[in-house]
Amino acid sequence: SGGNNSGGGVFAWGENSFGQVSGLPNYPAVRINMPYKVPGLESMDAVSVAGGRSHSAIVTRQGGEVWCWGDCRSGQCGIGVRTDY
């Protein structure tokens, strides 16, 4: 699951086996039960937040940029690399 707040930043929680919550591929693969502020996205103003089974994505107000992270072994993140990111 995920969300944002009026102060900017993106929060996520839930299963983190591929870094889909933490945004960090080497973060411990444990369930995160409380909203966790995703590092590197502190200044983002997300207008849409989505979570897949093993990846997450946002659309920003700043230019409509799309940011994805988590399991990308099947190309879910659309970055041309098939790995956890």
PDB file of N, CA and C in Angstrom:
ATOM      1  N   SER A   1       0.832  -1.184   0.000  1.00  0.00           N
ATOM      2  CA  SER A   1       0.000   0.000   0.000  1.00  0.00           C
ATOM      3  C   SER A   1       0.873   1.242   0.000  1.00  0.00           C
ATOM      4  N   GLY A   2       0.327   2.359  -0.366  1.00  0.00           N
ATOM      5  CA  GLY A   2       1.119   3.585  -0.383  1.00  0.00           C
ATOM      6  C   GLY A   2       0.256   4.816  -0.300  1.00  0.00           C
ATOM      7  N   GLY A   3       0.903   5.937  -0.056  1.00  0.00           N
ATOM      8  CA  GLY A   3       0.202   7.207   0.024  1.00  0.00           C
ATOM      9  C   GLY A   3       1.190   8.349   0.046  1.00  0.00           C
ATOM     10  N   ASN A   4       0.687   9.552   0.040  1.00  0.00           N
ATOM     11  CA  ASN A   4       1.548  10.727   0.151  1.00  0.00           C
ATOM     12  C   ASN A   4       0.930  11.669   1.164  1.00  0.00           C
ATOM     13  N   ASN A   5       1.673  12.720   1.504  1.00  0.00           N
ATOM     14  CA  ASN A   5       1.112  13.704   2.436  1.00  0.00           C
ATOM     15  C   ASN A   5       1.269  15.091   1.858  1.00  0.00           C
ATOM     16  N   SER A   6       0.602  16.047   2.430  1.00  0.00           N
ATOM     17  CA  SER A   6       0.622  17.402   1.892  1.00  0.00           C
ATOM     18  C   SER A   6       1.990  18.054   2.000  1.00  0.00           C
ATOM     19  N   GLY A   7       2.867  17.538   2.847  1.00  0.00           N
ATOM     20  CA  GLY A   7       4.214  18.084   2.992  1.00  0.00           C
ATOM     21  C   GLY A   7       5.201  17.510   2.009  1.00  0.00           C
ATOM     22  N   GLY A   8       4.731  16.674   1.101  1.00  0.00           N
ATOM     23  CA  GLY A   8       5.621  16.030   0.145  1.00  0.00           C
ATOM     24  C   GLY A   8       6.110  14.704   0.680  1.00  0.00           C
ATOM     25  N   GLY A   9       6.635  13.926  -0.181  1.00  0.00           N
ATOM     26  CA  GLY A   9       7.132  12.620   0.204  1.00  0.00           C
ATOM     27  C   GLY A   9       6.113  11.525  -0.066  1.00  0.00           C
ATOM     28  N   VAL A  10       6.618  10.321  -0.128  1.00  0.00           N
ATOM     29  CA  VAL A  10       5.793   9.159  -0.414  1.00  0.00           C
ATOM     30  C   VAL A  10       5.971   8.163   0.722  1.00  0.00           C
ATOM     31  N   PHE A  11       4.868   7.610   1.181  1.00  0.00           N
ATOM     32  CA  PHE A  11       4.892   6.621   2.244  1.00  0.00           C
ATOM     33  C   PHE A  11       4.384   5.299   1.698  1.00  0.00           C
ATOM     34  N   ALA A  12       4.962   4.213   2.191  1.00  0.00           N
ATOM     35  CA  ALA A  12       4.532   2.885   1.762  1.00  0.00           C
ATOM     36  C   ALA A  12       4.571   1.946   2.954  1.00  0.00           C
ATOM     37  N   TRP A  13       3.831   0.847   2.850  1.00  0.00           N
ATOM     38  CA  TRP A  13       3.829  -0.160   3.898  1.00  0.00           C
ATOM     39  C   TRP A  13       3.353  -1.468   3.288  1.00  0.00           C
ATOM     40  N   GLY A  14       3.682  -2.568   3.953  1.00  0.00           N
ATOM     41  CA  GLY A  14       3.284  -3.892   3.488  1.00  0.00           C
ATOM     42  C   GLY A  14       4.496  -4.782   3.268  1.00  0.00           C
ATOM     43  N   GLU A  15       4.330  -5.798   2.448  1.00  0.00           N
ATOM     44  CA  GLU A  15       5.410  -6.748   2.153  1.00  0.00           C
ATOM     45  C   GLU A  15       6.558  -6.026   1.452  1.00  0.00           C
ATOM     46  N   ASN A  16       7.784  -6.346   1.824  1.00  0.00           N
ATOM     47  CA  ASN A  16       8.948  -5.650   1.265  1.00  0.00           C
ATOM     48  C   ASN A  16       9.997  -6.629   0.732  1.00  0.00           C
ATOM     49  N   SER A  17       9.565  -7.769   0.238  1.00  0.00           N
ATOM     50  CA  SER A  17      10.507  -8.803  -0.191  1.00  0.00           C
ATOM     51  C   SER A  17      11.376  -8.389  -1.368  1.00  0.00           C
ATOM     52  N   PHE A  18      10.975  -7.390  -2.143  1.00  0.00           N
ATOM     53  CA  PHE A  18      11.764  -6.925  -3.281  1.00  0.00           C
ATOM     54  C   PHE A  18      12.085  -5.432  -3.192  1.00  0.00           C
ATOM     55  N   GLY A  19      11.970  -4.849  -2.005  1.00  0.00           N
ATOM     56  CA  GLY A  19      12.213  -3.424  -1.850  1.00  0.00           C
ATOM     57  C   GLY A  19      11.061  -2.574  -2.341  1.00  0.00           C
ATOM     58  N   GLN A  20       9.886  -3.183  -2.557  1.00  0.00           N
ATOM     59  CA  GLN A  20       8.747  -2.442  -3.088  1.00  0.00           C
ATOM     60  C   GLN A  20       8.174  -1.436  -2.104  1.00  0.00           C
ATOM     61  N   VAL A  21       8.511  -1.560  -0.828  1.00  0.00           N
ATOM     62  CA  VAL A  21       8.080  -0.576   0.168  1.00  0.00           C
ATOM     63  C   VAL A  21       9.211   0.402   0.434  1.00  0.00           C
ATOM     64  N   SER A  22      10.372  -0.110   0.752  1.00  0.00           N
ATOM     65  CA  SER A  22      11.501   0.730   1.173  1.00  0.00           C
ATOM     66  C   SER A  22      12.154   1.487   0.040  1.00  0.00           C
ATOM     67  N   GLY A  23      12.006   1.004  -1.193  1.00  0.00           N
ATOM     68  CA  GLY A  23      12.713   1.622  -2.305  1.00  0.00           C
ATOM     69  C   GLY A  23      14.184   1.255  -2.321  1.00  0.00           C
ATOM     70  N   LEU A  24      14.577   0.360  -1.429  1.00  0.00           N
ATOM     71  CA  LEU A  24      15.976  -0.035  -1.294  1.00  0.00           C
ATOM     72  C   LEU A  24      16.090  -1.540  -1.509  1.00  0.00           C
ATOM     73  N   PRO A  25      16.768  -1.987  -2.578  1.00  0.00           N
ATOM     74  CA  PRO A  25      16.832  -3.419  -2.855  1.00  0.00           C
ATOM     75  C   PRO A  25      17.550  -4.220  -1.777  1.00  0.00           C
ATOM     76  N   ASN A  26      18.434  -3.619  -1.007  1.00  0.00           N
ATOM     77  CA  ASN A  26      19.162  -4.354   0.021  1.00  0.00           C
ATOM     78  C   ASN A  26      18.558  -4.187   1.410  1.00  0.00           C
ATOM     79  N   TYR A  27      17.415  -3.527   1.496  1.00  0.00           N
ATOM     80  CA  TYR A  27      16.725  -3.369   2.777  1.00  0.00           C
ATOM     81  C   TYR A  27      16.213  -4.736   3.205  1.00  0.00           C
ATOM     82  N   PRO A  28      16.188  -5.034   4.491  1.00  0.00           N
ATOM     83  CA  PRO A  28      15.708  -6.356   4.917  1.00  0.00           C
ATOM     84  C   PRO A  28      14.337  -6.693   4.331  1.00  0.00           C
ATOM     85  N   ALA A  29      14.214  -7.919   3.858  1.00  0.00           N
ATOM     86  CA  ALA A  29      12.969  -8.379   3.233  1.00  0.00           C
ATOM     87  C   ALA A  29      11.962  -8.757   4.312  1.00  0.00           C
ATOM     88  N   VAL A  30      11.463  -7.753   5.005  1.00  0.00           N
ATOM     89  CA  VAL A  30      10.485  -7.969   6.071  1.00  0.00           C
ATOM     90  C   VAL A  30       9.250  -7.127   5.799  1.00  0.00           C
ATOM     91  N   ARG A  31       8.142  -7.524   6.353  1.00  0.00           N
ATOM     92  CA  ARG A  31       6.908  -6.751   6.224  1.00  0.00           C
ATOM     93  C   ARG A  31       7.042  -5.460   7.034  1.00  0.00           C
ATOM     94  N   ILE A  32       6.657  -4.350   6.443  1.00  0.00           N
ATOM     95  CA  ILE A  32       6.696  -3.050   7.108  1.00  0.00           C
ATOM     96  C   ILE A  32       5.243  -2.676   7.397  1.00  0.00           C
ATOM     97  N   ASN A  33       4.879  -2.685   8.674  1.00  0.00           N
ATOM     98  CA  ASN A  33       3.475  -2.514   9.061  1.00  0.00           C
ATOM     99  C   ASN A  33       3.041  -1.073   9.287  1.00  0.00           C
ATOM    100  N   MET A  34       3.984  -0.170   9.405  1.00  0.00           N
ATOM    101  CA  MET A  34       3.667   1.243   9.628  1.00  0.00           C
ATOM    102  C   MET A  34       4.078   2.044   8.394  1.00  0.00           C
ATOM    103  N   PRO A  35       3.432   3.163   8.106  1.00  0.00           N
ATOM    104  CA  PRO A  35       3.863   3.992   6.967  1.00  0.00           C
ATOM    105  C   PRO A  35       5.346   4.335   7.070  1.00  0.00           C
ATOM    106  N   TYR A  36       6.074   4.073   5.995  1.00  0.00           N
ATOM    107  CA  TYR A  36       7.521   4.261   5.916  1.00  0.00           C
ATOM    108  C   TYR A  36       7.794   5.286   4.823  1.00  0.00           C
ATOM    109  N   LYS A  37       8.496   6.373   5.148  1.00  0.00           N
ATOM    110  CA  LYS A  37       8.801   7.402   4.150  1.00  0.00           C
ATOM    111  C   LYS A  37       9.881   6.874   3.209  1.00  0.00           C
ATOM    112  N   VAL A  38       9.558   6.738   1.942  1.00  0.00           N
ATOM    113  CA  VAL A  38      10.477   6.159   0.963  1.00  0.00           C
ATOM    114  C   VAL A  38      11.643   7.119   0.730  1.00  0.00           C
ATOM    115  N   PRO A  39      12.878   6.666   0.999  1.00  0.00           N
ATOM    116  CA  PRO A  39      14.048   7.539   0.822  1.00  0.00           C
ATOM    117  C   PRO A  39      14.219   7.963  -0.634  1.00  0.00           C
ATOM    118  N   GLY A  40      14.663   9.185  -0.828  1.00  0.00           N
ATOM    119  CA  GLY A  40      14.884   9.700  -2.171  1.00  0.00           C
ATOM    120  C   GLY A  40      13.664  10.344  -2.794  1.00  0.00           C
ATOM    121  N   LEU A  41      12.514  10.177  -2.169  1.00  0.00           N
ATOM    122  CA  LEU A  41      11.279  10.754  -2.706  1.00  0.00           C
ATOM    123  C   LEU A  41      10.710  11.817  -1.779  1.00  0.00           C
ATOM    124  N   GLU A  42      11.539  12.318  -0.856  1.00  0.00           N
ATOM    125  CA  GLU A  42      11.083  13.280   0.142  1.00  0.00           C
ATOM    126  C   GLU A  42      10.507  14.551  -0.464  1.00  0.00           C
ATOM    127  N   SER A  43      11.049  14.981  -1.593  1.00  0.00           N
ATOM    128  CA  SER A  43      10.590  16.237  -2.196  1.00  0.00           C
ATOM    129  C   SER A  43       9.506  16.021  -3.253  1.00  0.00           C
ATOM    130  N   MET A  44       9.093  14.788  -3.453  1.00  0.00           N
ATOM    131  CA  MET A  44       8.096  14.488  -4.478  1.00  0.00           C
ATOM    132  C   MET A  44       6.686  14.786  -3.985  1.00  0.00           C
ATOM    133  N   ASP A  45       5.897  15.355  -4.857  1.00  0.00           N
ATOM    134  CA  ASP A  45       4.488  15.580  -4.589  1.00  0.00           C
ATOM    135  C   ASP A  45       3.735  14.617  -5.500  1.00  0.00           C
ATOM    136  N   ALA A  46       3.417  13.444  -4.979  1.00  0.00           N
ATOM    137  CA  ALA A  46       2.780  12.410  -5.790  1.00  0.00           C
ATOM    138  C   ALA A  46       1.290  12.688  -5.944  1.00  0.00           C
ATOM    139  N   VAL A  47       0.811  12.613  -7.168  1.00  0.00           N
ATOM    140  CA  VAL A  47      -0.618  12.774  -7.417  1.00  0.00           C
ATOM    141  C   VAL A  47      -1.284  11.417  -7.569  1.00  0.00           C
ATOM    142  N   SER A  48      -0.478  10.372  -7.762  1.00  0.00           N
ATOM    143  CA  SER A  48      -1.005   9.017  -7.856  1.00  0.00           C
ATOM    144  C   SER A  48       0.035   8.052  -7.312  1.00  0.00           C
ATOM    145  N   VAL A  49      -0.415   7.104  -6.509  1.00  0.00           N
ATOM    146  CA  VAL A  49       0.456   6.087  -5.925  1.00  0.00           C
ATOM    147  C   VAL A  49      -0.171   4.732  -6.222  1.00  0.00           C
ATOM    148  N   ALA A  50       0.643   3.788  -6.684  1.00  0.00           N
ATOM    149  CA  ALA A  50       0.129   2.448  -6.976  1.00  0.00           C
ATOM    150  C   ALA A  50       1.093   1.398  -6.467  1.00  0.00           C
ATOM    151  N   GLY A  51       0.560   0.305  -6.015  1.00  0.00           N
ATOM    152  CA  GLY A  51       1.379  -0.804  -5.556  1.00  0.00           C
ATOM    153  C   GLY A  51       0.962  -2.088  -6.232  1.00  0.00           C
ATOM    154  N   GLY A  52       1.927  -2.778  -6.810  1.00  0.00           N
ATOM    155  CA  GLY A  52       1.673  -4.100  -7.372  1.00  0.00           C
ATOM    156  C   GLY A  52       2.078  -5.155  -6.360  1.00  0.00           C
ATOM    157  N   ARG A  53       2.053  -6.392  -6.760  1.00  0.00           N
ATOM    158  CA  ARG A  53       2.429  -7.476  -5.848  1.00  0.00           C
ATOM    159  C   ARG A  53       3.860  -7.330  -5.352  1.00  0.00           C
ATOM    160  N   SER A  54       4.763  -6.868  -6.217  1.00  0.00           N
ATOM    161  CA  SER A  54       6.167  -6.781  -5.816  1.00  0.00           C
ATOM    162  C   SER A  54       6.866  -5.520  -6.327  1.00  0.00           C
ATOM    163  N   HIS A  55       6.105  -4.517  -6.699  1.00  0.00           N
ATOM    164  CA  HIS A  55       6.687  -3.239  -7.121  1.00  0.00           C
ATOM    165  C   HIS A  55       5.722  -2.109  -6.772  1.00  0.00           C
ATOM    166  N   SER A  56       6.235  -0.889  -6.781  1.00  0.00           N
ATOM    167  CA  SER A  56       5.433   0.299  -6.485  1.00  0.00           C
ATOM    168  C   SER A  56       5.720   1.372  -7.520  1.00  0.00           C
ATOM    169  N   ALA A  57       4.800   2.312  -7.671  1.00  0.00           N
ATOM    170  CA  ALA A  57       4.977   3.385  -8.645  1.00  0.00           C
ATOM    171  C   ALA A  57       4.234   4.634  -8.186  1.00  0.00           C
ATOM    172  N   ILE A  58       4.748   5.787  -8.604  1.00  0.00           N
ATOM    173  CA  ILE A  58       4.064   7.058  -8.363  1.00  0.00           C
ATOM    174  C   ILE A  58       4.094   7.891  -9.634  1.00  0.00           C
ATOM    175  N   VAL A  59       3.160   8.817  -9.731  1.00  0.00           N
ATOM    176  CA  VAL A  59       3.180   9.874 -10.746  1.00  0.00           C
ATOM    177  C   VAL A  59       3.289  11.169  -9.971  1.00  0.00           C
ATOM    178  N   THR A  60       4.245  12.026 -10.363  1.00  0.00           N
ATOM    179  CA  THR A  60       4.470  13.265  -9.627  1.00  0.00           C
ATOM    180  C   THR A  60       3.723  14.435 -10.240  1.00  0.00           C
ATOM    181  N   ARG A  61       3.453  15.417  -9.398  1.00  0.00           N
ATOM    182  CA  ARG A  61       2.857  16.658  -9.871  1.00  0.00           C
ATOM    183  C   ARG A  61       3.878  17.439 -10.699  1.00  0.00           C
ATOM    184  N   GLN A  62       5.163  17.296 -10.362  1.00  0.00           N
ATOM    185  CA  GLN A  62       6.243  17.989 -11.057  1.00  0.00           C
ATOM    186  C   GLN A  62       6.484  17.344 -12.427  1.00  0.00           C
ATOM    187  N   GLY A  63       5.776  17.776 -13.418  1.00  0.00           N
ATOM    188  CA  GLY A  63       6.004  17.303 -14.779  1.00  0.00           C
ATOM    189  C   GLY A  63       5.406  15.949 -15.101  1.00  0.00           C
ATOM    190  N   GLY A  64       4.628  15.380 -14.199  1.00  0.00           N
ATOM    191  CA  GLY A  64       4.016  14.087 -14.476  1.00  0.00           C
ATOM    192  C   GLY A  64       5.016  12.957 -14.603  1.00  0.00           C
ATOM    193  N   GLU A  65       6.131  13.069 -13.885  1.00  0.00           N
ATOM    194  CA  GLU A  65       7.145  12.017 -13.934  1.00  0.00           C
ATOM    195  C   GLU A  65       6.610  10.746 -13.292  1.00  0.00           C
ATOM    196  N   VAL A  66       7.068   9.597 -13.785  1.00  0.00           N
ATOM    197  CA  VAL A  66       6.707   8.311 -13.213  1.00  0.00           C
ATOM    198  C   VAL A  66       7.950   7.704 -12.577  1.00  0.00           C
ATOM    199  N   TRP A  67       7.820   7.292 -11.314  1.00  0.00           N
ATOM    200  CA  TRP A  67       8.910   6.652 -10.578  1.00  0.00           C
ATOM    201  C   TRP A  67       8.441   5.270 -10.160  1.00  0.00           C
ATOM    202  N   CYS A  68       9.270   4.244 -10.397  1.00  0.00           N
ATOM    203  CA  CYS A  68       8.942   2.867 -10.039  1.00  0.00           C
ATOM    204  C   CYS A  68      10.098   2.243  -9.275  1.00  0.00           C
ATOM    205  N   TRP A  69       9.778   1.293  -8.377  1.00  0.00           N
ATOM    206  CA  TRP A  69      10.819   0.573  -7.650  1.00  0.00           C
ATOM    207  C   TRP A  69      10.271  -0.762  -7.189  1.00  0.00           C
ATOM    208  N   GLY A  70      11.186  -1.664  -6.848  1.00  0.00           N
ATOM    209  CA  GLY A  70      10.817  -2.998  -6.398  1.00  0.00           C
ATOM    210  C   GLY A  70      11.294  -4.045  -7.377  1.00  0.00           C
ATOM    211  N   ASP A  71      10.532  -5.117  -7.519  1.00  0.00           N
ATOM    212  CA  ASP A  71      10.884  -6.226  -8.397  1.00  0.00           C
ATOM    213  C   ASP A  71      10.689  -5.818  -9.851  1.00  0.00           C
ATOM    214  N   CYS A  72      11.736  -5.945 -10.620  1.00  0.00           N
ATOM    215  CA  CYS A  72      11.661  -5.572 -12.036  1.00  0.00           C
ATOM    216  C   CYS A  72      12.090  -6.748 -12.920  1.00  0.00           C
ATOM    217  N   ARG A  73      12.051  -7.953 -12.356  1.00  0.00           N
ATOM    218  CA  ARG A  73      12.519  -9.126 -13.107  1.00  0.00           C
ATOM    219  C   ARG A  73      11.667  -9.427 -14.327  1.00  0.00           C
ATOM    220  N   SER A  74      10.440  -8.943 -14.355  1.00  0.00           N
ATOM    221  CA  SER A  74       9.582  -9.133 -15.529  1.00  0.00           C
ATOM    222  C   SER A  74       9.369  -7.822 -16.273  1.00  0.00           C
ATOM    223  N   GLY A  75      10.193  -6.823 -15.975  1.00  0.00           N
ATOM    224  CA  GLY A  75      10.099  -5.535 -16.655  1.00  0.00           C
ATOM    225  C   GLY A  75       9.049  -4.598 -16.095  1.00  0.00           C
ATOM    226  N   GLN A  76       8.519  -4.860 -14.880  1.00  0.00           N
ATOM    227  CA  GLN A  76       7.445  -4.047 -14.308  1.00  0.00           C
ATOM    228  C   GLN A  76       7.797  -2.569 -14.195  1.00  0.00           C
ATOM    229  N   CYS A  77       9.071  -2.276 -13.963  1.00  0.00           N
ATOM    230  CA  CYS A  77       9.463  -0.883 -13.731  1.00  0.00           C
ATOM    231  C   CYS A  77       9.761  -0.130 -15.025  1.00  0.00           C
ATOM    232  N   GLY A  78       9.811  -0.845 -16.135  1.00  0.00           N
ATOM    233  CA  GLY A  78       9.975  -0.191 -17.423  1.00  0.00           C
ATOM    234  C   GLY A  78      11.287   0.545 -17.623  1.00  0.00           C
ATOM    235  N   ILE A  79      12.357   0.069 -16.985  1.00  0.00           N
ATOM    236  CA  ILE A  79      13.647   0.753 -17.103  1.00  0.00           C
ATOM    237  C   ILE A  79      14.647   0.011 -17.976  1.00  0.00           C
ATOM    238  N   GLY A  80      14.221  -1.088 -18.578  1.00  0.00           N
ATOM    239  CA  GLY A  80      15.098  -1.841 -19.462  1.00  0.00           C
ATOM    240  C   GLY A  80      16.062  -2.759 -18.729  1.00  0.00           C
ATOM    241  N   VAL A  81      15.931  -2.870 -17.426  1.00  0.00           N
ATOM    242  CA  VAL A  81      16.792  -3.741 -16.626  1.00  0.00           C
ATOM    243  C   VAL A  81      15.884  -4.712 -15.882  1.00  0.00           C
ATOM    244  N   ARG A  82      16.241  -5.960 -15.853  1.00  0.00           N
ATOM    245  CA  ARG A  82      15.428  -6.959 -15.152  1.00  0.00           C
ATOM    246  C   ARG A  82      16.122  -7.378 -13.874  1.00  0.00           C
ATOM    247  N   THR A  83      15.825  -6.626 -12.806  1.00  0.00           N
ATOM    248  CA  THR A  83      16.431  -6.859 -11.500  1.00  0.00           C
ATOM    249  C   THR A  83      15.585  -6.168 -10.441  1.00  0.00           C
ATOM    250  N   ASP A  84      15.944  -6.306  -9.178  1.00  0.00           N
ATOM    251  CA  ASP A  84      15.295  -5.536  -8.128  1.00  0.00           C
ATOM    252  C   ASP A  84      15.881  -4.142  -8.157  1.00  0.00           C
ATOM    253  N   TYR A  85      15.040  -3.120  -8.114  1.00  0.00           N
ATOM    254  CA  TYR A  85      15.537  -1.749  -8.193  1.00  0.00           C
ATOM    255  C   TYR A  85      14.753  -0.869  -7.265  1.00  0.00           C
TER     256      TYR A  85
END
